[in-house]
Amino acid sequence: MSENLMLIEFDVDDERVLAQSSNENEFIDTSAFTPTTGRIAIYSDCIGFGKITIALDDDIETSRVCRTNAEDAAHKDDLVVDASTSYSVSVSLTENQPWAVTVTELPPE
């Protein structure tokens, strides 16, 4: 694994950011949010061996293997969710490594 890997900055275009969390720079914002369009994107990145798991309350969970080289891309999961429900984000990892997660609201289809 390259020692010079850095977390990828997510390209969220014009998407409205609902929640962000990272263990880099001790920045954490996991306030509850309600996605009014019913469509969200979960961007995630982690560096090292192991995997990252992002959960929205107990209803929705996605897991990804972390990056071990610079050629690997960050992950984006597009999900359909209940537009009348409030969600909170939790993040867990199998190893202690750098990670970042951003949840955005996607436009309606």
C-alpha atoms as a PDB file:
ATOM      1  CA  MET A   1       0.000   0.000   0.000  1.00  0.00           C
ATOM      2  CA  SER A   2       1.280   3.451  -0.894  1.00  0.00           C
ATOM      3  CA  GLU A   3       2.053   5.617   2.122  1.00  0.00           C
ATOM      4  CA  ASN A   4       1.111   8.785   0.172  1.00  0.00           C
ATOM      5  CA  LEU A   5      -2.582   8.060  -0.342  1.00  0.00           C
ATOM      6  CA  MET A   6      -4.951  10.896   0.507  1.00  0.00           C
ATOM      7  CA  LEU A   7      -8.723  10.865   0.844  1.00  0.00           C
ATOM      8  CA  ILE A   8     -10.502  11.780  -2.387  1.00  0.00           C
ATOM      9  CA  GLU A   9     -12.521  14.992  -2.498  1.00  0.00           C
ATOM     10  CA  PHE A  10     -16.032  14.033  -3.618  1.00  0.00           C
ATOM     11  CA  ASP A  11     -17.450  15.730  -6.712  1.00  0.00           C
ATOM     12  CA  VAL A  12     -21.006  16.388  -5.532  1.00  0.00           C
ATOM     13  CA  ASP A  13     -21.813  18.809  -8.390  1.00  0.00           C
ATOM     14  CA  ASP A  14     -24.975  20.720  -7.506  1.00  0.00           C
ATOM     15  CA  GLU A  15     -26.280  18.099  -5.094  1.00  0.00           C
ATOM     16  CA  ARG A  16     -27.453  19.356  -1.697  1.00  0.00           C
ATOM     17  CA  VAL A  17     -25.215  17.997   1.071  1.00  0.00           C
ATOM     18  CA  LEU A  18     -27.308  16.374   3.809  1.00  0.00           C
ATOM     19  CA  ALA A  19     -24.546  14.988   6.047  1.00  0.00           C
ATOM     20  CA  GLN A  20     -20.766  14.769   6.112  1.00  0.00           C
ATOM     21  CA  SER A  21     -18.450  12.854   8.361  1.00  0.00           C
ATOM     22  CA  SER A  22     -14.728  12.209   8.421  1.00  0.00           C
ATOM     23  CA  ASN A  23     -12.101  11.135  10.901  1.00  0.00           C
ATOM     24  CA  GLU A  24      -9.587  13.439   9.199  1.00  0.00           C
ATOM     25  CA  ASN A  25      -9.272  16.815  10.935  1.00  0.00           C
ATOM     26  CA  GLU A  26     -11.755  15.532  13.539  1.00  0.00           C
ATOM     27  CA  PHE A  27     -14.674  16.856  11.432  1.00  0.00           C
ATOM     28  CA  ILE A  28     -17.974  15.165  12.117  1.00  0.00           C
ATOM     29  CA  ASP A  29     -21.461  16.322  11.132  1.00  0.00           C
ATOM     30  CA  THR A  30     -23.996  13.539  11.383  1.00  0.00           C
ATOM     31  CA  SER A  31     -27.091  15.576  12.208  1.00  0.00           C
ATOM     32  CA  ALA A  32     -30.378  13.929  11.298  1.00  0.00           C
ATOM     33  CA  PHE A  33     -31.729  14.829   7.863  1.00  0.00           C
ATOM     34  CA  THR A  34     -34.847  14.226   5.768  1.00  0.00           C
ATOM     35  CA  PRO A  35     -34.255  13.700   2.028  1.00  0.00           C
ATOM     36  CA  THR A  36     -37.279  15.446   0.490  1.00  0.00           C
ATOM     37  CA  THR A  37     -36.801  13.959  -3.006  1.00  0.00           C
ATOM     38  CA  GLY A  38     -36.540  10.366  -1.761  1.00  0.00           C
ATOM     39  CA  ARG A  39     -33.232   9.917  -3.612  1.00  0.00           C
ATOM     40  CA  ILE A  40     -29.797  10.164  -2.026  1.00  0.00           C
ATOM     41  CA  ALA A  41     -26.187   9.461  -2.887  1.00  0.00           C
ATOM     42  CA  ILE A  42     -23.690   8.140  -0.367  1.00  0.00           C
ATOM     43  CA  TYR A  43     -20.096   8.986  -1.273  1.00  0.00           C
ATOM     44  CA  SER A  44     -17.465   7.086   0.714  1.00  0.00           C
ATOM     45  CA  ASP A  45     -13.714   6.712   0.775  1.00  0.00           C
ATOM     46  CA  CYS A  46     -11.311   4.981   3.127  1.00  0.00           C
ATOM     47  CA  ILE A  47      -7.641   4.157   2.856  1.00  0.00           C
ATOM     48  CA  GLY A  48      -6.034   0.906   3.896  1.00  0.00           C
ATOM     49  CA  PHE A  49      -6.980  -2.702   4.315  1.00  0.00           C
ATOM     50  CA  GLY A  50     -10.450  -3.612   5.502  1.00  0.00           C
ATOM     51  CA  LYS A  51     -13.834  -2.132   4.711  1.00  0.00           C
ATOM     52  CA  ILE A  52     -16.102   0.768   5.585  1.00  0.00           C
ATOM     53  CA  THR A  53     -19.783   0.341   6.450  1.00  0.00           C
ATOM     54  CA  ILE A  54     -22.197   3.265   6.313  1.00  0.00           C
ATOM     55  CA  ALA A  55     -25.616   2.878   7.918  1.00  0.00           C
ATOM     56  CA  LEU A  56     -28.654   5.137   7.816  1.00  0.00           C
ATOM     57  CA  ASP A  57     -30.327   4.238  11.077  1.00  0.00           C
ATOM     58  CA  ASP A  58     -31.176   0.525  11.111  1.00  0.00           C
ATOM     59  CA  ASP A  59     -32.865   0.496   7.701  1.00  0.00           C
ATOM     60  CA  ILE A  60     -30.119   1.016   5.112  1.00  0.00           C
ATOM     61  CA  GLU A  61     -26.515  -0.175   5.066  1.00  0.00           C
ATOM     62  CA  THR A  62     -23.774  -0.198   2.442  1.00  0.00           C
ATOM     63  CA  SER A  63     -20.230  -1.577   2.725  1.00  0.00           C
ATOM     64  CA  ARG A  64     -17.166  -1.075   0.570  1.00  0.00           C
ATOM     65  CA  VAL A  65     -13.581  -2.302   0.544  1.00  0.00           C
ATOM     66  CA  CYS A  66     -11.097   0.485   1.305  1.00  0.00           C
ATOM     67  CA  ARG A  67      -8.573   1.741  -1.236  1.00  0.00           C
ATOM     68  CA  THR A  68      -5.007   0.454  -1.096  1.00  0.00           C
ATOM     69  CA  ASN A  69      -3.637   2.339  -4.119  1.00  0.00           C
ATOM     70  CA  ALA A  70      -4.113   5.697  -5.843  1.00  0.00           C
ATOM     71  CA  GLU A  71      -5.746   4.184  -8.939  1.00  0.00           C
ATOM     72  CA  ASP A  72      -8.790   3.005  -6.971  1.00  0.00           C
ATOM     73  CA  ALA A  73     -11.818   5.311  -6.980  1.00  0.00           C
ATOM     74  CA  ALA A  74     -14.010   6.490  -4.151  1.00  0.00           C
ATOM     75  CA  HIS A  75     -17.482   4.916  -4.044  1.00  0.00           C
ATOM     76  CA  LYS A  76     -20.893   6.391  -4.790  1.00  0.00           C
ATOM     77  CA  ASP A  77     -24.124   4.561  -4.007  1.00  0.00           C
ATOM     78  CA  ASP A  78     -27.410   6.004  -5.328  1.00  0.00           C
ATOM     79  CA  LEU A  79     -30.350   4.957  -3.146  1.00  0.00           C
ATOM     80  CA  VAL A  80     -34.106   5.428  -3.027  1.00  0.00           C
ATOM     81  CA  VAL A  81     -35.294   6.223   0.505  1.00  0.00           C
ATOM     82  CA  ASP A  82     -38.500   7.258   2.258  1.00  0.00           C
ATOM     83  CA  ALA A  83     -38.889  11.021   1.719  1.00  0.00           C
ATOM     84  CA  SER A  84     -40.900  11.389   4.933  1.00  0.00           C
ATOM     85  CA  THR A  85     -38.339   9.723   7.215  1.00  0.00           C
ATOM     86  CA  SER A  86     -35.511  11.388   9.106  1.00  0.00           C
ATOM     87  CA  TYR A  87     -32.163   9.566   8.939  1.00  0.00           C
ATOM     88  CA  SER A  88     -28.877   9.666  10.838  1.00  0.00           C
ATOM     89  CA  VAL A  89     -25.539   8.376   9.545  1.00  0.00           C
ATOM     90  CA  SER A  90     -23.190   6.024  11.363  1.00  0.00           C
ATOM     91  CA  VAL A  91     -19.842   4.783  10.086  1.00  0.00           C
ATOM     92  CA  SER A  92     -17.858   1.738  11.148  1.00  0.00           C
ATOM     93  CA  LEU A  93     -14.593   0.285   9.885  1.00  0.00           C
ATOM     94  CA  THR A  94     -12.823  -3.020  10.263  1.00  0.00           C
ATOM     95  CA  GLU A  95      -9.497  -1.217  10.804  1.00  0.00           C
ATOM     96  CA  ASN A  96      -8.467   2.191  12.179  1.00  0.00           C
ATOM     97  CA  GLN A  97      -7.826   4.158   8.975  1.00  0.00           C
ATOM     98  CA  PRO A  98      -8.621   7.497   7.301  1.00  0.00           C
ATOM     99  CA  TRP A  99     -12.192   7.743   5.985  1.00  0.00           C
ATOM    100  CA  ALA A 100     -14.756  10.235   4.719  1.00  0.00           C
ATOM    101  CA  VAL A 101     -18.484  10.007   3.955  1.00  0.00           C
ATOM    102  CA  THR A 102     -20.825  12.541   2.357  1.00  0.00           C
ATOM    103  CA  VAL A 103     -24.569  12.034   1.863  1.00  0.00           C
ATOM    104  CA  THR A 104     -26.298  14.222  -0.735  1.00  0.00           C
ATOM    105  CA  GLU A 105     -29.835  14.638  -1.982  1.00  0.00           C
ATOM    106  CA  LEU A 106     -30.341  13.764  -5.652  1.00  0.00           C
ATOM    107  CA  PRO A 107     -32.961  15.465  -7.821  1.00  0.00           C
ATOM    108  CA  PRO A 108     -36.258  13.617  -8.319  1.00  0.00           C
ATOM    109  CA  GLU A 109     -36.448  11.267 -11.293  1.00  0.00           C
END
